[in-house]
Amino acid sequence: MNWAVPAVVRQSGNVIAFVWSHPANRGARLGGLARAVRFQLRGRMGLRTLTRVGSGGRMWAELHYHGASKVAYVNPPDWNEMLAWRRILQPGDLFVDVGSNVGAYALFAADAGAEVIAIEPSRESARRLRENVALNDFPVSVLECGLADRPGELRLTTGRDTTNHLLLGPDADGEVVAVDTLDNVLGDRFAVGVKIDVEGVERLVLDGAREALRQHRIGVLQIEWNGMSRRLLGEDRLPIAALLEECGYQLVRPDERGVFQDAEAVATSAQDMFAVLPEYRSGM
């Protein structure tokens, strides 16, 4: 007899566990489950759900779009990381969201008062990102491009939502996208925060930001640290750690209060890594 659990049951169980255990729903777990059920029902009818991000931000959540659906379940979804940004960002600060997808981080940072540059190469995700930005009266500008170590054009996967990534081989087949560098985007400006989530090519983004890093014109970086870099670049995350430490940054991770704690430079991790200038070590 085949006792395999149907995919829809398994997925529903994962959602329930995520909503029930998430720190954002402490003291209101039943309300969180009710929101999740309502979102799921609307999604299966082909309807979007207008949901809150941060204190006053709004964005559309759609079923099967991971970056947006997480916000429908919990606010903020990346608890430790987003609490750290809430501690750091002040009105008027510049925050650059590299790999913005549909804008959860961009809107969260703008809700904290930051000016935001949201960078997203995927045509479909950038369309949704602009739609979400238009829902709010926030200073968010959208750049529809990728970031790498030099300007030009590259190809991008399509149809993978938050896991779309740049393709680096000469025979790559995907959507052609414009590519710039973070140094060019920043110019001579200082960014208090930069979040980089580009599914494996984070090191190329940092190579294109060497001037800003050496001049300490980025205060805090949040960097995806998973194993995708091995697949795309043939390397783990230790070259990133070496570059950041060479430029005077300390590697940390936020705890559940959003307070930075020392972190070891590991090859890969499921958790994002933060790199901070010493003056930002306490989270400001």
Protein backbone atom coordinates (compact mmCIF):
# COMPACT_ATOMS: atom_id res chain seq x y z
CA MET A 1 0.00 0.00 0.00
CA ASN A 2 1.29 3.46 -0.92
CA TRP A 3 1.15 5.75 2.11
CA ALA A 4 2.76 8.75 0.38
CA VAL A 5 1.41 12.04 1.70
CA PRO A 6 -0.23 14.11 -1.07
CA ALA A 7 1.75 17.23 -1.93
CA VAL A 8 -1.11 19.60 -1.09
CA VAL A 9 -1.44 18.06 2.41
CA ARG A 10 2.30 18.31 2.97
CA GLN A 11 2.37 21.93 1.82
CA SER A 12 -0.59 22.82 4.02
CA GLY A 13 1.14 21.24 6.98
CA ASN A 14 4.27 23.28 6.30
CA VAL A 15 2.24 26.50 6.14
CA ILE A 16 0.45 25.71 9.41
CA ALA A 17 3.75 24.95 11.16
CA PHE A 18 5.33 28.14 9.80
CA VAL A 19 2.43 30.35 10.88
CA TRP A 20 2.00 28.69 14.28
CA SER A 21 5.67 28.82 15.29
CA HIS A 22 6.64 32.20 13.85
CA PRO A 23 7.57 34.87 16.42
CA ALA A 24 5.38 37.45 14.65
CA ASN A 25 2.29 35.46 15.66
CA ARG A 26 3.07 35.08 19.34
CA GLY A 27 -0.08 35.74 21.26
CA ALA A 28 -2.16 35.69 18.08
CA ARG A 29 -1.59 32.25 16.57
CA LEU A 30 -5.26 31.57 15.86
CA GLY A 31 -5.57 34.93 14.12
CA GLY A 32 -2.50 34.08 12.07
CA LEU A 33 -4.00 30.76 11.03
CA ALA A 34 -7.27 32.49 10.10
CA ARG A 35 -5.37 34.92 7.86
CA ALA A 36 -3.49 32.04 6.25
CA VAL A 37 -6.70 30.14 5.53
CA ARG A 38 -8.35 33.23 4.07
CA PHE A 39 -5.32 33.89 1.88
CA GLN A 40 -5.26 30.28 0.68
CA LEU A 41 -8.97 30.27 -0.14
CA ARG A 42 -8.76 33.55 -2.03
CA GLY A 43 -5.69 32.35 -3.89
CA ARG A 44 -7.40 29.15 -5.02
CA MET A 45 -10.17 31.34 -6.44
CA GLY A 46 -7.57 33.29 -8.40
CA LEU A 47 -7.76 36.35 -6.12
CA ARG A 48 -4.93 38.38 -4.64
CA THR A 49 -4.87 39.56 -1.04
CA LEU A 50 -3.84 43.05 0.00
CA THR A 51 -1.61 42.58 3.02
CA ARG A 52 0.42 44.69 5.40
CA VAL A 53 4.21 44.85 5.50
CA GLY A 54 5.87 46.68 8.36
CA SER A 55 3.71 49.13 10.29
CA GLY A 56 1.94 50.88 7.44
CA GLY A 57 3.18 49.43 4.17
CA ARG A 58 0.92 47.49 1.82
CA MET A 59 1.57 44.93 -0.89
CA TRP A 60 -0.29 42.35 -2.93
CA ALA A 61 0.16 38.74 -1.88
CA GLU A 62 -0.44 36.02 -4.42
CA LEU A 63 -0.60 32.27 -3.91
CA HIS A 64 2.46 30.44 -5.28
CA TYR A 65 4.57 33.63 -5.22
CA HIS A 66 6.79 32.81 -2.26
CA GLY A 67 8.19 36.24 -1.45
CA ALA A 68 4.72 37.78 -1.28
CA SER A 69 2.82 34.88 0.28
CA LYS A 70 5.17 34.84 3.30
CA VAL A 71 4.05 38.39 4.09
CA ALA A 72 0.42 37.25 4.03
CA TYR A 73 1.24 34.65 6.67
CA VAL A 74 3.47 36.69 9.02
CA ASN A 75 4.69 40.27 9.34
CA PRO A 76 7.62 40.62 9.20
CA PRO A 77 8.41 37.25 7.62
CA ASP A 78 12.21 37.23 8.12
CA TRP A 79 11.93 38.05 11.80
CA ASN A 80 15.54 38.31 13.01
CA GLU A 81 16.79 40.00 9.86
CA MET A 82 13.98 42.51 9.51
CA LEU A 83 14.10 43.44 13.20
CA ALA A 84 17.79 44.21 12.70
CA TRP A 85 16.94 46.59 9.86
CA ARG A 86 14.22 48.18 11.96
CA ARG A 87 16.84 48.88 14.63
CA ILE A 88 19.34 50.32 12.14
CA LEU A 89 17.40 52.31 9.58
CA GLN A 90 16.51 55.92 10.31
CA PRO A 91 14.39 58.35 8.27
CA GLY A 92 16.34 59.52 5.24
CA ASP A 93 18.84 56.63 5.23
CA LEU A 94 19.56 54.95 1.90
CA PHE A 95 18.74 51.24 1.59
CA VAL A 96 19.52 49.24 -1.57
CA ASP A 97 17.57 46.02 -2.12
CA VAL A 98 19.49 43.90 -4.65
CA GLY A 99 17.25 41.10 -5.87
CA SER A 100 14.09 42.77 -4.61
CA ASN A 101 11.63 40.30 -6.16
CA VAL A 102 8.18 41.83 -5.45
CA GLY A 103 9.39 44.21 -2.75
CA ALA A 104 8.89 42.84 0.77
CA TYR A 105 12.25 44.11 2.02
CA ALA A 106 12.10 47.30 -0.02
CA LEU A 107 8.70 48.25 1.40
CA PHE A 108 9.69 47.22 4.92
CA ALA A 109 12.76 49.46 4.76
CA ALA A 110 10.75 52.33 3.27
CA ASP A 111 8.14 51.90 6.01
CA ALA A 112 10.98 52.53 8.48
CA GLY A 113 11.63 55.85 6.74
CA ALA A 114 14.48 54.88 4.41
CA GLU A 115 14.90 55.96 0.82
CA VAL A 116 15.04 52.72 -1.17
CA ILE A 117 16.54 51.66 -4.47
CA ALA A 118 14.91 48.34 -5.38
CA ILE A 119 16.81 46.35 -8.02
CA GLU A 120 15.12 43.45 -9.81
CA PRO A 121 16.12 41.96 -13.18
CA SER A 122 13.09 39.72 -13.81
CA ARG A 123 10.56 41.45 -16.04
CA GLU A 124 7.61 39.74 -14.35
CA SER A 125 8.83 40.34 -10.79
CA ALA A 126 9.71 43.97 -11.60
CA ARG A 127 6.15 44.51 -12.86
CA ARG A 128 4.76 43.24 -9.56
CA LEU A 129 7.35 45.23 -7.64
CA ARG A 130 6.28 48.48 -9.32
CA GLU A 131 2.64 47.65 -8.63
CA ASN A 132 3.40 47.19 -4.93
CA VAL A 133 5.47 50.37 -4.78
CA ALA A 134 2.52 52.27 -6.31
CA LEU A 135 0.30 51.18 -3.40
CA ASN A 136 2.39 53.23 -0.99
CA ASP A 137 3.56 56.80 -0.65
CA PHE A 138 7.17 55.73 -0.06
CA PRO A 139 10.42 56.98 -1.63
CA VAL A 140 11.17 53.78 -3.54
CA SER A 141 12.76 53.77 -6.99
CA VAL A 142 12.86 50.61 -9.10
CA LEU A 143 15.77 49.62 -11.35
CA GLU A 144 14.92 46.77 -13.70
CA CYS A 145 18.38 45.27 -14.09
CA GLY A 146 20.78 42.79 -12.57
CA LEU A 147 24.00 43.58 -10.71
CA ALA A 148 27.35 41.91 -11.30
CA ASP A 149 31.06 42.73 -11.49
CA ARG A 150 30.77 44.79 -14.70
CA PRO A 151 28.06 46.47 -16.76
CA GLY A 152 26.61 44.75 -19.82
CA GLU A 153 24.00 42.08 -20.51
CA LEU A 154 23.46 38.60 -19.13
CA ARG A 155 20.68 36.05 -19.27
CA LEU A 156 18.27 35.28 -16.46
CA THR A 157 16.17 32.22 -15.73
CA THR A 158 12.39 32.69 -15.94
CA GLY A 159 9.38 31.26 -14.16
CA ARG A 160 11.18 30.47 -10.88
CA ASP A 161 9.82 33.29 -8.70
CA THR A 162 12.32 34.02 -5.89
CA THR A 163 14.87 31.53 -7.25
CA ASN A 164 15.42 33.13 -10.65
CA HIS A 165 19.14 33.74 -11.14
CA LEU A 166 21.65 35.05 -13.64
CA LEU A 167 23.14 32.57 -16.12
CA LEU A 168 26.86 32.91 -16.71
CA GLY A 169 27.76 30.33 -19.39
CA PRO A 170 28.32 31.34 -23.04
CA ASP A 171 25.44 29.12 -24.17
CA ALA A 172 23.01 30.23 -21.46
CA ASP A 173 19.38 30.30 -22.51
CA GLY A 174 17.06 32.70 -20.72
CA GLU A 175 15.69 36.23 -20.61
CA VAL A 176 18.26 38.85 -21.66
CA VAL A 177 18.65 41.49 -18.94
CA ALA A 178 20.76 44.60 -18.51
CA VAL A 179 23.46 44.36 -15.84
CA ASP A 180 25.19 47.16 -13.93
CA THR A 181 27.45 47.40 -10.87
CA LEU A 182 26.60 48.47 -7.36
CA ASP A 183 29.40 51.04 -7.53
CA ASN A 184 27.63 52.65 -10.49
CA VAL A 185 24.25 52.55 -8.77
CA LEU A 186 25.61 54.19 -5.62
CA GLY A 187 27.84 56.72 -7.33
CA ASP A 188 29.34 58.71 -4.44
CA ARG A 189 26.43 58.10 -2.07
CA PHE A 190 26.53 56.32 1.29
CA ALA A 191 24.08 53.45 1.82
CA VAL A 192 23.33 52.58 5.41
CA GLY A 193 22.01 49.21 4.24
CA VAL A 194 22.34 46.86 1.29
CA LYS A 195 20.52 43.52 1.04
CA ILE A 196 21.85 41.12 -1.61
CA ASP A 197 19.74 38.08 -2.51
CA VAL A 198 20.65 36.99 -6.03
CA GLU A 199 20.64 33.19 -5.78
CA GLY A 200 24.32 32.41 -5.95
CA VAL A 201 26.07 35.34 -7.65
CA GLU A 202 26.38 37.52 -4.55
CA ARG A 203 30.18 37.51 -4.91
CA LEU A 204 29.89 39.11 -8.36
CA VAL A 205 27.68 41.85 -6.91
CA LEU A 206 30.30 42.54 -4.24
CA ASP A 207 33.10 42.52 -6.83
CA GLY A 208 31.14 45.30 -8.52
CA ALA A 209 31.02 47.22 -5.23
CA ARG A 210 34.72 47.16 -4.30
CA GLU A 211 35.08 50.94 -4.35
CA ALA A 212 32.11 51.46 -2.05
CA LEU A 213 33.33 48.69 0.26
CA ARG A 214 36.89 50.01 0.44
CA GLN A 215 35.64 53.55 1.05
CA HIS A 216 33.22 52.31 3.72
CA ARG A 217 30.21 53.79 1.91
CA ILE A 218 28.02 50.84 2.91
CA GLY A 219 27.25 50.48 6.59
CA VAL A 220 25.54 47.10 6.79
CA LEU A 221 25.10 44.27 4.28
CA GLN A 222 22.73 41.32 4.41
CA ILE A 223 23.90 38.53 2.09
CA GLU A 224 22.31 35.24 1.10
CA TRP A 225 24.76 32.52 2.15
CA ASN A 226 23.36 29.27 0.72
CA GLY A 227 25.01 26.70 -1.55
CA MET A 228 23.86 28.15 -4.89
CA SER A 229 27.27 29.77 -5.42
CA ARG A 230 28.82 26.33 -5.80
CA ARG A 231 26.52 25.59 -8.70
CA LEU A 232 26.90 28.93 -10.46
CA LEU A 233 30.44 30.04 -9.60
CA GLY A 234 32.07 26.78 -8.52
CA GLU A 235 32.92 28.21 -5.09
CA ASP A 236 31.52 28.45 -1.59
CA ARG A 237 30.95 31.63 0.40
CA LEU A 238 34.43 31.95 1.93
CA PRO A 239 35.74 34.27 -0.84
CA ILE A 240 32.96 36.69 0.11
CA ALA A 241 33.96 36.51 3.77
CA ALA A 242 37.60 37.20 2.84
CA LEU A 243 36.66 40.22 0.70
CA LEU A 244 34.45 41.73 3.39
CA GLU A 245 36.95 41.19 6.19
CA GLU A 246 39.72 42.66 3.99
CA CYS A 247 37.56 45.78 3.61
CA GLY A 248 37.10 46.11 7.38
CA TYR A 249 33.66 44.52 7.83
CA GLN A 250 32.73 42.20 10.70
CA LEU A 251 30.57 39.12 10.10
CA VAL A 252 27.52 38.90 12.37
CA ARG A 253 24.00 37.51 12.53
CA PRO A 254 20.98 39.04 14.27
CA ASP A 255 19.31 37.21 17.14
CA GLU A 256 15.56 37.13 17.75
CA ARG A 257 15.69 40.69 19.09
CA GLY A 258 17.46 41.92 15.95
CA VAL A 259 20.71 42.39 17.90
CA PHE A 260 23.91 41.41 16.10
CA GLN A 261 25.95 38.51 17.44
CA ASP A 262 29.38 37.35 16.28
CA ALA A 263 29.23 34.82 13.44
CA GLU A 264 31.79 32.43 12.04
CA ALA A 265 32.74 32.60 8.37
CA VAL A 266 31.32 29.26 7.23
CA ALA A 267 31.37 27.88 3.68
CA THR A 268 27.57 27.86 3.28
CA SER A 269 24.53 28.25 5.49
CA ALA A 270 20.76 28.31 5.25
CA GLN A 271 20.83 31.60 7.18
CA ASP A 272 21.80 34.93 5.67
CA MET A 273 25.00 36.54 6.89
CA PHE A 274 25.38 40.20 7.81
CA ALA A 275 28.56 42.23 7.39
CA VAL A 276 28.85 45.46 9.36
CA LEU A 277 31.24 48.32 9.85
CA PRO A 278 32.30 48.45 13.53
CA GLU A 279 30.16 51.54 14.24
CA TYR A 280 27.06 49.56 13.23
CA ARG A 281 27.97 46.53 15.35
CA SER A 282 25.42 47.36 18.06
CA GLY A 283 22.59 47.85 15.57
CA MET A 284 22.57 51.62 16.27
